[in-house]
ModelCIF file with pLDDT and N, C-alpha, C, O atoms, coordinates in Angstrom:
data_MODEL
#
_entry.id   MODEL 
#
_entity.id                         1 
_entity.type                       polymer 
_entity.pdbx_number_of_molecules   1 
#
_entity_poly.entity_id                      1 
_entity_poly.type                           'polypeptide(L)' 
_entity_poly.nstd_linkage                   no 
_entity_poly.nstd_monomer                   no 
_entity_poly.pdbx_seq_one_letter_code       IIDKRQLDEVVLDIKAQFIDEFKTLSNEVINLTASLGVFSCNVSELVD 
_entity_poly.pdbx_seq_one_letter_code_can   IIDKRQLDEVVLDIKAQFIDEFKTLSNEVINLTASLGVFSCNVSELVD 
_entity_poly.pdbx_strand_id                 A 
#
loop_
_entity_poly_seq.entity_id 
_entity_poly_seq.num 
_entity_poly_seq.mon_id 
_entity_poly_seq.hetero 
1 1  ILE n 
1 2  ILE n 
1 3  ASP n 
1 4  LYS n 
1 5  ARG n 
1 6  GLN n 
1 7  LEU n 
1 8  ASP n 
1 9  GLU n 
1 10 VAL n 
1 11 VAL n 
1 12 LEU n 
1 13 ASP n 
1 14 ILE n 
1 15 LYS n 
1 16 ALA n 
1 17 GLN n 
1 18 PHE n 
1 19 ILE n 
1 20 ASP n 
1 21 GLU n 
1 22 PHE n 
1 23 LYS n 
1 24 THR n 
1 25 LEU n 
1 26 SER n 
1 27 ASN n 
1 28 GLU n 
1 29 VAL n 
1 30 ILE n 
1 31 ASN n 
1 32 LEU n 
1 33 THR n 
1 34 ALA n 
1 35 SER n 
1 36 LEU n 
1 37 GLY n 
1 38 VAL n 
1 39 PHE n 
1 40 SER n 
1 41 CYS n 
1 42 ASN n 
1 43 VAL n 
1 44 SER n 
1 45 GLU n 
1 46 LEU n 
1 47 VAL n 
1 48 ASP n 
#
_struct_asym.id          A 
_struct_asym.entity_id   1 
#
loop_
_ma_qa_metric.id 
_ma_qa_metric.mode 
_ma_qa_metric.name 
_ma_qa_metric.software_group_id 
_ma_qa_metric.type 
1 global pLDDT . pLDDT 
2 local  pLDDT . pLDDT 
#
_ma_qa_metric_global.metric_id      1 
_ma_qa_metric_global.metric_value   88.27 
_ma_qa_metric_global.model_id       1 
_ma_qa_metric_global.ordinal_id     1 
#
loop_
_ma_qa_metric_local.label_asym_id 
_ma_qa_metric_local.label_comp_id 
_ma_qa_metric_local.label_seq_id 
_ma_qa_metric_local.metric_id 
_ma_qa_metric_local.metric_value 
_ma_qa_metric_local.model_id 
_ma_qa_metric_local.ordinal_id 
A ILE 1  2 87.00 1 1  
A ILE 2  2 80.00 1 2  
A ASP 3  2 85.00 1 3  
A LYS 4  2 87.00 1 4  
A ARG 5  2 88.00 1 5  
A GLN 6  2 90.00 1 6  
A LEU 7  2 92.00 1 7  
A ASP 8  2 91.00 1 8  
A GLU 9  2 92.00 1 9  
A VAL 10 2 93.00 1 10 
A VAL 11 2 94.00 1 11 
A LEU 12 2 93.00 1 12 
A ASP 13 2 94.00 1 13 
A ILE 14 2 95.00 1 14 
A LYS 15 2 94.00 1 15 
A ALA 16 2 94.00 1 16 
A GLN 17 2 95.00 1 17 
A PHE 18 2 95.00 1 18 
A ILE 19 2 92.00 1 19 
A ASP 20 2 92.00 1 20 
A GLU 21 2 89.00 1 21 
A PHE 22 2 90.00 1 22 
A LYS 23 2 86.00 1 23 
A THR 24 2 83.00 1 24 
A LEU 25 2 78.00 1 25 
A SER 26 2 77.00 1 26 
A ASN 27 2 81.00 1 27 
A GLU 28 2 80.00 1 28 
A VAL 29 2 83.00 1 29 
A ILE 30 2 86.00 1 30 
A ASN 31 2 87.00 1 31 
A LEU 32 2 92.00 1 32 
A THR 33 2 94.00 1 33 
A ALA 34 2 96.00 1 34 
A SER 35 2 96.00 1 35 
A LEU 36 2 97.00 1 36 
A GLY 37 2 96.00 1 37 
A VAL 38 2 96.00 1 38 
A PHE 39 2 94.00 1 39 
A SER 40 2 92.00 1 40 
A CYS 41 2 89.00 1 41 
A ASN 42 2 88.00 1 42 
A VAL 43 2 85.00 1 43 
A SER 44 2 81.00 1 44 
A GLU 45 2 79.00 1 45 
A LEU 46 2 79.00 1 46 
A VAL 47 2 69.00 1 47 
A ASP 48 2 71.00 1 48 
#
loop_
_atom_site.group_PDB 
_atom_site.id 
_atom_site.type_symbol 
_atom_site.label_atom_id 
_atom_site.label_alt_id 
_atom_site.label_comp_id 
_atom_site.label_asym_id 
_atom_site.label_entity_id 
_atom_site.label_seq_id 
_atom_site.pdbx_PDB_ins_code 
_atom_site.Cartn_x 
_atom_site.Cartn_y 
_atom_site.Cartn_z 
_atom_site.occupancy 
_atom_site.B_iso_or_equiv 
_atom_site.pdbx_formal_charge 
_atom_site.auth_seq_id 
_atom_site.auth_comp_id 
_atom_site.auth_asym_id 
_atom_site.auth_atom_id 
_atom_site.pdbx_PDB_model_num 
ATOM 1   N N  . ILE A 1 1  ? -5.127  -3.484  -25.729 1.00 87.00 ? 1  ILE A N  1 
ATOM 2   C CA . ILE A 1 1  ? -4.666  -4.768  -25.640 1.00 87.00 ? 1  ILE A CA 1 
ATOM 3   C C  . ILE A 1 1  ? -4.901  -4.810  -26.807 1.00 87.00 ? 1  ILE A C  1 
ATOM 4   O O  . ILE A 1 1  ? -5.361  -3.896  -27.491 1.00 87.00 ? 1  ILE A O  1 
ATOM 5   N N  . ILE A 1 2  ? -4.329  -6.885  -27.460 1.00 80.00 ? 2  ILE A N  1 
ATOM 6   C CA . ILE A 1 2  ? -3.888  -7.029  -28.248 1.00 80.00 ? 2  ILE A CA 1 
ATOM 7   C C  . ILE A 1 2  ? -4.679  -8.225  -28.346 1.00 80.00 ? 2  ILE A C  1 
ATOM 8   O O  . ILE A 1 2  ? -4.549  -8.919  -29.355 1.00 80.00 ? 2  ILE A O  1 
ATOM 9   N N  . ASP A 1 3  ? -5.593  -8.611  -27.312 1.00 85.00 ? 3  ASP A N  1 
ATOM 10  C CA . ASP A 1 3  ? -6.556  -10.189 -27.044 1.00 85.00 ? 3  ASP A CA 1 
ATOM 11  C C  . ASP A 1 3  ? -7.189  -10.419 -25.717 1.00 85.00 ? 3  ASP A C  1 
ATOM 12  O O  . ASP A 1 3  ? -6.717  -9.998  -24.661 1.00 85.00 ? 3  ASP A O  1 
ATOM 13  N N  . LYS A 1 4  ? -8.448  -11.216 -25.849 1.00 87.00 ? 4  LYS A N  1 
ATOM 14  C CA . LYS A 1 4  ? -8.569  -11.756 -24.799 1.00 87.00 ? 4  LYS A CA 1 
ATOM 15  C C  . LYS A 1 4  ? -7.644  -12.310 -23.790 1.00 87.00 ? 4  LYS A C  1 
ATOM 16  O O  . LYS A 1 4  ? -7.540  -11.687 -22.734 1.00 87.00 ? 4  LYS A O  1 
ATOM 17  N N  . ARG A 1 5  ? -7.219  -12.980 -23.895 1.00 88.00 ? 5  ARG A N  1 
ATOM 18  C CA . ARG A 1 5  ? -5.613  -13.596 -23.218 1.00 88.00 ? 5  ARG A CA 1 
ATOM 19  C C  . ARG A 1 5  ? -4.937  -12.618 -22.030 1.00 88.00 ? 5  ARG A C  1 
ATOM 20  O O  . ARG A 1 5  ? -4.731  -13.033 -20.890 1.00 88.00 ? 5  ARG A O  1 
ATOM 21  N N  . GLN A 1 6  ? -4.678  -11.483 -22.403 1.00 90.00 ? 6  GLN A N  1 
ATOM 22  C CA . GLN A 1 6  ? -3.976  -10.387 -22.027 1.00 90.00 ? 6  GLN A CA 1 
ATOM 23  C C  . GLN A 1 6  ? -5.001  -10.248 -21.219 1.00 90.00 ? 6  GLN A C  1 
ATOM 24  O O  . GLN A 1 6  ? -5.214  -10.793 -20.136 1.00 90.00 ? 6  GLN A O  1 
ATOM 25  N N  . LEU A 1 7  ? -5.498  -9.640  -21.690 1.00 92.00 ? 7  LEU A N  1 
ATOM 26  C CA . LEU A 1 7  ? -7.178  -9.388  -20.841 1.00 92.00 ? 7  LEU A CA 1 
ATOM 27  C C  . LEU A 1 7  ? -6.971  -10.462 -19.888 1.00 92.00 ? 7  LEU A C  1 
ATOM 28  O O  . LEU A 1 7  ? -6.056  -10.610 -19.077 1.00 92.00 ? 7  LEU A O  1 
ATOM 29  N N  . ASP A 1 8  ? -7.981  -11.182 -20.130 1.00 91.00 ? 8  ASP A N  1 
ATOM 30  C CA . ASP A 1 8  ? -7.786  -12.090 -19.144 1.00 91.00 ? 8  ASP A CA 1 
ATOM 31  C C  . ASP A 1 8  ? -6.764  -12.437 -17.968 1.00 91.00 ? 8  ASP A C  1 
ATOM 32  O O  . ASP A 1 8  ? -7.160  -12.654 -16.822 1.00 91.00 ? 8  ASP A O  1 
ATOM 33  N N  . GLU A 1 9  ? -5.184  -12.477 -18.402 1.00 92.00 ? 9  GLU A N  1 
ATOM 34  C CA . GLU A 1 9  ? -3.919  -12.308 -17.491 1.00 92.00 ? 9  GLU A CA 1 
ATOM 35  C C  . GLU A 1 9  ? -3.920  -11.262 -16.134 1.00 92.00 ? 9  GLU A C  1 
ATOM 36  O O  . GLU A 1 9  ? -3.627  -11.403 -14.947 1.00 92.00 ? 9  GLU A O  1 
ATOM 37  N N  . VAL A 1 10 ? -4.540  -9.848  -17.199 1.00 93.00 ? 10 VAL A N  1 
ATOM 38  C CA . VAL A 1 10 ? -4.740  -8.643  -15.993 1.00 93.00 ? 10 VAL A CA 1 
ATOM 39  C C  . VAL A 1 10 ? -6.229  -9.113  -15.317 1.00 93.00 ? 10 VAL A C  1 
ATOM 40  O O  . VAL A 1 10 ? -6.468  -8.401  -14.341 1.00 93.00 ? 10 VAL A O  1 
ATOM 41  N N  . VAL A 1 11 ? -7.160  -9.990  -15.539 1.00 94.00 ? 11 VAL A N  1 
ATOM 42  C CA . VAL A 1 11 ? -7.948  -9.682  -14.699 1.00 94.00 ? 11 VAL A CA 1 
ATOM 43  C C  . VAL A 1 11 ? -7.863  -11.009 -13.131 1.00 94.00 ? 11 VAL A C  1 
ATOM 44  O O  . VAL A 1 11 ? -8.368  -11.020 -12.008 1.00 94.00 ? 11 VAL A O  1 
ATOM 45  N N  . LEU A 1 12 ? -6.819  -12.078 -14.006 1.00 93.00 ? 12 LEU A N  1 
ATOM 46  C CA . LEU A 1 12 ? -6.394  -12.967 -12.846 1.00 93.00 ? 12 LEU A CA 1 
ATOM 47  C C  . LEU A 1 12 ? -5.329  -12.291 -11.665 1.00 93.00 ? 12 LEU A C  1 
ATOM 48  O O  . LEU A 1 12 ? -5.544  -12.347 -10.454 1.00 93.00 ? 12 LEU A O  1 
ATOM 49  N N  . ASP A 1 13 ? -4.179  -11.664 -12.281 1.00 94.00 ? 13 ASP A N  1 
ATOM 50  C CA . ASP A 1 13 ? -4.067  -11.156 -11.598 1.00 94.00 ? 13 ASP A CA 1 
ATOM 51  C C  . ASP A 1 13 ? -4.293  -9.890  -10.353 1.00 94.00 ? 13 ASP A C  1 
ATOM 52  O O  . ASP A 1 13 ? -3.792  -9.956  -9.230  1.00 94.00 ? 13 ASP A O  1 
ATOM 53  N N  . ILE A 1 14 ? -5.080  -8.861  -10.808 1.00 95.00 ? 14 ILE A N  1 
ATOM 54  C CA . ILE A 1 14 ? -5.974  -8.356  -9.980  1.00 95.00 ? 14 ILE A CA 1 
ATOM 55  C C  . ILE A 1 14 ? -6.726  -8.753  -8.931  1.00 95.00 ? 14 ILE A C  1 
ATOM 56  O O  . ILE A 1 14 ? -6.967  -8.182  -7.868  1.00 95.00 ? 14 ILE A O  1 
ATOM 57  N N  . LYS A 1 15 ? -7.165  -10.099 -9.478  1.00 94.00 ? 15 LYS A N  1 
ATOM 58  C CA . LYS A 1 15 ? -7.962  -11.405 -8.814  1.00 94.00 ? 15 LYS A CA 1 
ATOM 59  C C  . LYS A 1 15 ? -6.806  -11.934 -6.839  1.00 94.00 ? 15 LYS A C  1 
ATOM 60  O O  . LYS A 1 15 ? -7.086  -12.026 -5.644  1.00 94.00 ? 15 LYS A O  1 
ATOM 61  N N  . ALA A 1 16 ? -5.441  -12.125 -7.816  1.00 94.00 ? 16 ALA A N  1 
ATOM 62  C CA . ALA A 1 16 ? -4.673  -12.464 -7.231  1.00 94.00 ? 16 ALA A CA 1 
ATOM 63  C C  . ALA A 1 16 ? -4.081  -11.383 -5.223  1.00 94.00 ? 16 ALA A C  1 
ATOM 64  O O  . ALA A 1 16 ? -3.685  -11.578 -4.074  1.00 94.00 ? 16 ALA A O  1 
ATOM 65  N N  . GLN A 1 17 ? -4.444  -10.436 -6.114  1.00 95.00 ? 17 GLN A N  1 
ATOM 66  C CA . GLN A 1 17 ? -3.837  -9.116  -5.098  1.00 95.00 ? 17 GLN A CA 1 
ATOM 67  C C  . GLN A 1 17 ? -4.969  -9.353  -3.737  1.00 95.00 ? 17 GLN A C  1 
ATOM 68  O O  . GLN A 1 17 ? -5.110  -8.533  -2.830  1.00 95.00 ? 17 GLN A O  1 
ATOM 69  N N  . PHE A 1 18 ? -5.720  -10.683 -3.852  1.00 95.00 ? 18 PHE A N  1 
ATOM 70  C CA . PHE A 1 18 ? -6.531  -10.356 -2.459  1.00 95.00 ? 18 PHE A CA 1 
ATOM 71  C C  . PHE A 1 18 ? -6.746  -11.684 -1.956  1.00 95.00 ? 18 PHE A C  1 
ATOM 72  O O  . PHE A 1 18 ? -7.658  -12.011 -1.195  1.00 95.00 ? 18 PHE A O  1 
ATOM 73  N N  . ILE A 1 19 ? -5.901  -12.387 -2.400  1.00 92.00 ? 19 ILE A N  1 
ATOM 74  C CA . ILE A 1 19 ? -5.142  -13.944 -1.894  1.00 92.00 ? 19 ILE A CA 1 
ATOM 75  C C  . ILE A 1 19 ? -4.968  -13.636 -1.014  1.00 92.00 ? 19 ILE A C  1 
ATOM 76  O O  . ILE A 1 19 ? -5.539  -14.055 -0.008  1.00 92.00 ? 19 ILE A O  1 
ATOM 77  N N  . ASP A 1 20 ? -4.063  -12.733 -1.050  1.00 92.00 ? 20 ASP A N  1 
ATOM 78  C CA . ASP A 1 20 ? -3.716  -12.881 1.464   1.00 92.00 ? 20 ASP A CA 1 
ATOM 79  C C  . ASP A 1 20 ? -4.214  -11.861 1.800   1.00 92.00 ? 20 ASP A C  1 
ATOM 80  O O  . ASP A 1 20 ? -4.498  -10.800 1.244   1.00 92.00 ? 20 ASP A O  1 
ATOM 81  N N  . GLU A 1 21 ? -4.310  -12.320 2.895   1.00 89.00 ? 21 GLU A N  1 
ATOM 82  C CA . GLU A 1 21 ? -5.515  -11.860 3.681   1.00 89.00 ? 21 GLU A CA 1 
ATOM 83  C C  . GLU A 1 21 ? -4.829  -10.407 4.443   1.00 89.00 ? 21 GLU A C  1 
ATOM 84  O O  . GLU A 1 21 ? -3.641  -10.289 4.743   1.00 89.00 ? 21 GLU A O  1 
ATOM 85  N N  . PHE A 1 22 ? -5.851  -9.416  4.648   1.00 90.00 ? 22 PHE A N  1 
ATOM 86  C CA . PHE A 1 22 ? -5.675  -8.414  5.225   1.00 90.00 ? 22 PHE A CA 1 
ATOM 87  C C  . PHE A 1 22 ? -6.058  -8.588  6.942   1.00 90.00 ? 22 PHE A C  1 
ATOM 88  O O  . PHE A 1 22 ? -6.885  -9.367  7.416   1.00 90.00 ? 22 PHE A O  1 
ATOM 89  N N  . LYS A 1 23 ? -5.456  -7.913  7.456   1.00 86.00 ? 23 LYS A N  1 
ATOM 90  C CA . LYS A 1 23 ? -5.427  -7.790  9.309   1.00 86.00 ? 23 LYS A CA 1 
ATOM 91  C C  . LYS A 1 23 ? -5.731  -6.156  9.650   1.00 86.00 ? 23 LYS A C  1 
ATOM 92  O O  . LYS A 1 23 ? -5.446  -5.193  8.938   1.00 86.00 ? 23 LYS A O  1 
ATOM 93  N N  . THR A 1 24 ? -6.316  -6.159  10.800  1.00 83.00 ? 24 THR A N  1 
ATOM 94  C CA . THR A 1 24 ? -6.690  -5.104  11.167  1.00 83.00 ? 24 THR A CA 1 
ATOM 95  C C  . THR A 1 24 ? -6.017  -5.084  12.065  1.00 83.00 ? 24 THR A C  1 
ATOM 96  O O  . THR A 1 24 ? -5.523  -6.061  12.627  1.00 83.00 ? 24 THR A O  1 
ATOM 97  N N  . LEU A 1 25 ? -5.811  -3.179  12.525  1.00 78.00 ? 25 LEU A N  1 
ATOM 98  C CA . LEU A 1 25 ? -4.674  -3.499  14.035  1.00 78.00 ? 25 LEU A CA 1 
ATOM 99  C C  . LEU A 1 25 ? -4.426  -4.395  14.869  1.00 78.00 ? 25 LEU A C  1 
ATOM 100 O O  . LEU A 1 25 ? -3.205  -4.430  15.022  1.00 78.00 ? 25 LEU A O  1 
ATOM 101 N N  . SER A 1 26 ? -4.789  -4.929  15.315  1.00 77.00 ? 26 SER A N  1 
ATOM 102 C CA . SER A 1 26 ? -5.248  -6.218  16.557  1.00 77.00 ? 26 SER A CA 1 
ATOM 103 C C  . SER A 1 26 ? -4.985  -7.283  16.022  1.00 77.00 ? 26 SER A C  1 
ATOM 104 O O  . SER A 1 26 ? -5.599  -8.293  16.364  1.00 77.00 ? 26 SER A O  1 
ATOM 105 N N  . ASN A 1 27 ? -4.108  -7.323  15.149  1.00 81.00 ? 27 ASN A N  1 
ATOM 106 C CA . ASN A 1 27 ? -3.930  -8.697  13.991  1.00 81.00 ? 27 ASN A CA 1 
ATOM 107 C C  . ASN A 1 27 ? -5.181  -9.185  13.644  1.00 81.00 ? 27 ASN A C  1 
ATOM 108 O O  . ASN A 1 27 ? -4.943  -10.185 12.966  1.00 81.00 ? 27 ASN A O  1 
ATOM 109 N N  . GLU A 1 28 ? -6.171  -9.065  13.715  1.00 80.00 ? 28 GLU A N  1 
ATOM 110 C CA . GLU A 1 28 ? -7.762  -9.856  13.051  1.00 80.00 ? 28 GLU A CA 1 
ATOM 111 C C  . GLU A 1 28 ? -7.382  -10.092 12.009  1.00 80.00 ? 28 GLU A C  1 
ATOM 112 O O  . GLU A 1 28 ? -6.582  -9.417  11.362  1.00 80.00 ? 28 GLU A O  1 
ATOM 113 N N  . VAL A 1 29 ? -7.896  -11.085 11.692  1.00 83.00 ? 29 VAL A N  1 
ATOM 114 C CA . VAL A 1 29 ? -7.984  -11.458 9.950   1.00 83.00 ? 29 VAL A CA 1 
ATOM 115 C C  . VAL A 1 29 ? -9.229  -10.686 9.199   1.00 83.00 ? 29 VAL A C  1 
ATOM 116 O O  . VAL A 1 29 ? -10.353 -10.406 9.617   1.00 83.00 ? 29 VAL A O  1 
ATOM 117 N N  . ILE A 1 30 ? -8.663  -10.475 8.062   1.00 86.00 ? 30 ILE A N  1 
ATOM 118 C CA . ILE A 1 30 ? -10.064 -10.019 7.127   1.00 86.00 ? 30 ILE A CA 1 
ATOM 119 C C  . ILE A 1 30 ? -9.425  -10.912 5.623   1.00 86.00 ? 30 ILE A C  1 
ATOM 120 O O  . ILE A 1 30 ? -8.332  -10.851 5.061   1.00 86.00 ? 30 ILE A O  1 
ATOM 121 N N  . ASN A 1 31 ? -10.638 -11.693 5.340   1.00 87.00 ? 31 ASN A N  1 
ATOM 122 C CA . ASN A 1 31 ? -10.692 -11.955 4.091   1.00 87.00 ? 31 ASN A CA 1 
ATOM 123 C C  . ASN A 1 31 ? -11.597 -11.636 2.659   1.00 87.00 ? 31 ASN A C  1 
ATOM 124 O O  . ASN A 1 31 ? -12.432 -12.291 2.035   1.00 87.00 ? 31 ASN A O  1 
ATOM 125 N N  . LEU A 1 32 ? -10.775 -9.833  2.418   1.00 92.00 ? 32 LEU A N  1 
ATOM 126 C CA . LEU A 1 32 ? -11.596 -9.341  1.532   1.00 92.00 ? 32 LEU A CA 1 
ATOM 127 C C  . LEU A 1 32 ? -11.536 -10.117 0.178   1.00 92.00 ? 32 LEU A C  1 
ATOM 128 O O  . LEU A 1 32 ? -10.578 -10.764 -0.244  1.00 92.00 ? 32 LEU A O  1 
ATOM 129 N N  . THR A 1 33 ? -12.937 -9.894  -0.513  1.00 94.00 ? 33 THR A N  1 
ATOM 130 C CA . THR A 1 33 ? -13.218 -9.840  -1.726  1.00 94.00 ? 33 THR A CA 1 
ATOM 131 C C  . THR A 1 33 ? -13.432 -8.922  -2.958  1.00 94.00 ? 33 THR A C  1 
ATOM 132 O O  . THR A 1 33 ? -14.364 -8.148  -2.742  1.00 94.00 ? 33 THR A O  1 
ATOM 133 N N  . ALA A 1 34 ? -12.859 -8.756  -4.207  1.00 96.00 ? 34 ALA A N  1 
ATOM 134 C CA . ALA A 1 34 ? -13.536 -8.047  -4.795  1.00 96.00 ? 34 ALA A CA 1 
ATOM 135 C C  . ALA A 1 34 ? -14.353 -8.758  -5.968  1.00 96.00 ? 34 ALA A C  1 
ATOM 136 O O  . ALA A 1 34 ? -14.062 -9.909  -6.296  1.00 96.00 ? 34 ALA A O  1 
ATOM 137 N N  . SER A 1 35 ? -15.449 -8.003  -6.638  1.00 96.00 ? 35 SER A N  1 
ATOM 138 C CA . SER A 1 35 ? -15.842 -8.538  -7.552  1.00 96.00 ? 35 SER A CA 1 
ATOM 139 C C  . SER A 1 35 ? -15.697 -7.116  -8.997  1.00 96.00 ? 35 SER A C  1 
ATOM 140 O O  . SER A 1 35 ? -15.952 -5.914  -8.924  1.00 96.00 ? 35 SER A O  1 
ATOM 141 N N  . LEU A 1 36 ? -15.253 -7.852  -10.026 1.00 97.00 ? 36 LEU A N  1 
ATOM 142 C CA . LEU A 1 36 ? -15.056 -7.357  -11.042 1.00 97.00 ? 36 LEU A CA 1 
ATOM 143 C C  . LEU A 1 36 ? -16.084 -7.239  -12.513 1.00 97.00 ? 36 LEU A C  1 
ATOM 144 O O  . LEU A 1 36 ? -16.501 -8.179  -13.189 1.00 97.00 ? 36 LEU A O  1 
ATOM 145 N N  . GLY A 1 37 ? -16.251 -6.162  -12.667 1.00 96.00 ? 37 GLY A N  1 
ATOM 146 C CA . GLY A 1 37 ? -16.957 -6.201  -13.806 1.00 96.00 ? 37 GLY A CA 1 
ATOM 147 C C  . GLY A 1 37 ? -15.996 -5.450  -15.095 1.00 96.00 ? 37 GLY A C  1 
ATOM 148 O O  . GLY A 1 37 ? -15.145 -4.590  -14.867 1.00 96.00 ? 37 GLY A O  1 
ATOM 149 N N  . VAL A 1 38 ? -16.312 -5.940  -16.378 1.00 96.00 ? 38 VAL A N  1 
ATOM 150 C CA . VAL A 1 38 ? -15.454 -5.937  -17.107 1.00 96.00 ? 38 VAL A CA 1 
ATOM 151 C C  . VAL A 1 38 ? -15.981 -5.896  -18.562 1.00 96.00 ? 38 VAL A C  1 
ATOM 152 O O  . VAL A 1 38 ? -16.812 -6.677  -19.024 1.00 96.00 ? 38 VAL A O  1 
ATOM 153 N N  . PHE A 1 39 ? -15.390 -4.887  -19.211 1.00 94.00 ? 39 PHE A N  1 
ATOM 154 C CA . PHE A 1 39 ? -15.708 -4.471  -20.809 1.00 94.00 ? 39 PHE A CA 1 
ATOM 155 C C  . PHE A 1 39 ? -14.874 -3.880  -21.412 1.00 94.00 ? 39 PHE A C  1 
ATOM 156 O O  . PHE A 1 39 ? -14.240 -2.923  -20.969 1.00 94.00 ? 39 PHE A O  1 
ATOM 157 N N  . SER A 1 40 ? -14.760 -4.362  -22.490 1.00 92.00 ? 40 SER A N  1 
ATOM 158 C CA . SER A 1 40 ? -13.597 -4.582  -24.003 1.00 92.00 ? 40 SER A CA 1 
ATOM 159 C C  . SER A 1 40 ? -14.273 -4.242  -25.319 1.00 92.00 ? 40 SER A C  1 
ATOM 160 O O  . SER A 1 40 ? -15.407 -4.713  -25.409 1.00 92.00 ? 40 SER A O  1 
ATOM 161 N N  . CYS A 1 41 ? -13.998 -3.785  -25.997 1.00 89.00 ? 41 CYS A N  1 
ATOM 162 C CA . CYS A 1 41 ? -14.228 -3.638  -27.455 1.00 89.00 ? 41 CYS A CA 1 
ATOM 163 C C  . CYS A 1 41 ? -12.990 -3.088  -28.429 1.00 89.00 ? 41 CYS A C  1 
ATOM 164 O O  . CYS A 1 41 ? -11.797 -3.135  -28.127 1.00 89.00 ? 41 CYS A O  1 
ATOM 165 N N  . ASN A 1 42 ? -13.459 -2.638  -29.477 1.00 88.00 ? 42 ASN A N  1 
ATOM 166 C CA . ASN A 1 42 ? -13.137 -1.666  -30.442 1.00 88.00 ? 42 ASN A CA 1 
ATOM 167 C C  . ASN A 1 42 ? -13.508 -0.466  -30.669 1.00 88.00 ? 42 ASN A C  1 
ATOM 168 O O  . ASN A 1 42 ? -14.621 -0.033  -30.969 1.00 88.00 ? 42 ASN A O  1 
ATOM 169 N N  . VAL A 1 43 ? -12.482 0.083   -30.507 1.00 85.00 ? 43 VAL A N  1 
ATOM 170 C CA . VAL A 1 43 ? -12.627 1.795   -30.881 1.00 85.00 ? 43 VAL A CA 1 
ATOM 171 C C  . VAL A 1 43 ? -13.507 1.990   -31.527 1.00 85.00 ? 43 VAL A C  1 
ATOM 172 O O  . VAL A 1 43 ? -14.383 2.794   -31.208 1.00 85.00 ? 43 VAL A O  1 
ATOM 173 N N  . SER A 1 44 ? -13.517 1.265   -32.680 1.00 81.00 ? 44 SER A N  1 
ATOM 174 C CA . SER A 1 44 ? -14.549 1.680   -33.992 1.00 81.00 ? 44 SER A CA 1 
ATOM 175 C C  . SER A 1 44 ? -16.070 1.242   -33.413 1.00 81.00 ? 44 SER A C  1 
ATOM 176 O O  . SER A 1 44 ? -17.142 1.511   -33.956 1.00 81.00 ? 44 SER A O  1 
ATOM 177 N N  . GLU A 1 45 ? -15.886 0.564   -32.281 1.00 79.00 ? 45 GLU A N  1 
ATOM 178 C CA . GLU A 1 45 ? -17.730 -0.012  -32.099 1.00 79.00 ? 45 GLU A CA 1 
ATOM 179 C C  . GLU A 1 45 ? -17.998 0.310   -30.930 1.00 79.00 ? 45 GLU A C  1 
ATOM 180 O O  . GLU A 1 45 ? -18.768 -0.424  -30.311 1.00 79.00 ? 45 GLU A O  1 
ATOM 181 N N  . LEU A 1 46 ? -17.410 1.583   -30.230 1.00 79.00 ? 46 LEU A N  1 
ATOM 182 C CA . LEU A 1 46 ? -17.769 2.069   -29.571 1.00 79.00 ? 46 LEU A CA 1 
ATOM 183 C C  . LEU A 1 46 ? -19.133 3.642   -29.953 1.00 79.00 ? 46 LEU A C  1 
ATOM 184 O O  . LEU A 1 46 ? -19.115 4.638   -30.676 1.00 79.00 ? 46 LEU A O  1 
ATOM 185 N N  . VAL A 1 47 ? -20.121 3.026   -28.974 1.00 69.00 ? 47 VAL A N  1 
ATOM 186 C CA . VAL A 1 47 ? -21.402 3.624   -29.226 1.00 69.00 ? 47 VAL A CA 1 
ATOM 187 C C  . VAL A 1 47 ? -21.467 5.416   -28.498 1.00 69.00 ? 47 VAL A C  1 
ATOM 188 O O  . VAL A 1 47 ? -21.898 6.464   -28.978 1.00 69.00 ? 47 VAL A O  1 
ATOM 189 N N  . ASP A 1 48 ? -20.896 5.129   -27.322 1.00 71.00 ? 48 ASP A N  1 
ATOM 190 C CA . ASP A 1 48 ? -20.656 6.383   -26.303 1.00 71.00 ? 48 ASP A CA 1 
ATOM 191 C C  . ASP A 1 48 ? -18.963 6.330   -26.239 1.00 71.00 ? 48 ASP A C  1 
ATOM 192 O O  . ASP A 1 48 ? -18.345 7.142   -25.550 1.00 71.00 ? 48 ASP A O  1 
#
């Protein structure tokens, strides 16, 4: 990745995938959400 801006854009795009509602087979609406955990660093700084 180039910088945090690029990473933040991906995170927001992931969140956007959950904006539209999901529906059951009987057309009941489900507002599904997702919690995101993000880890980023330089390869040289990675301990494991």
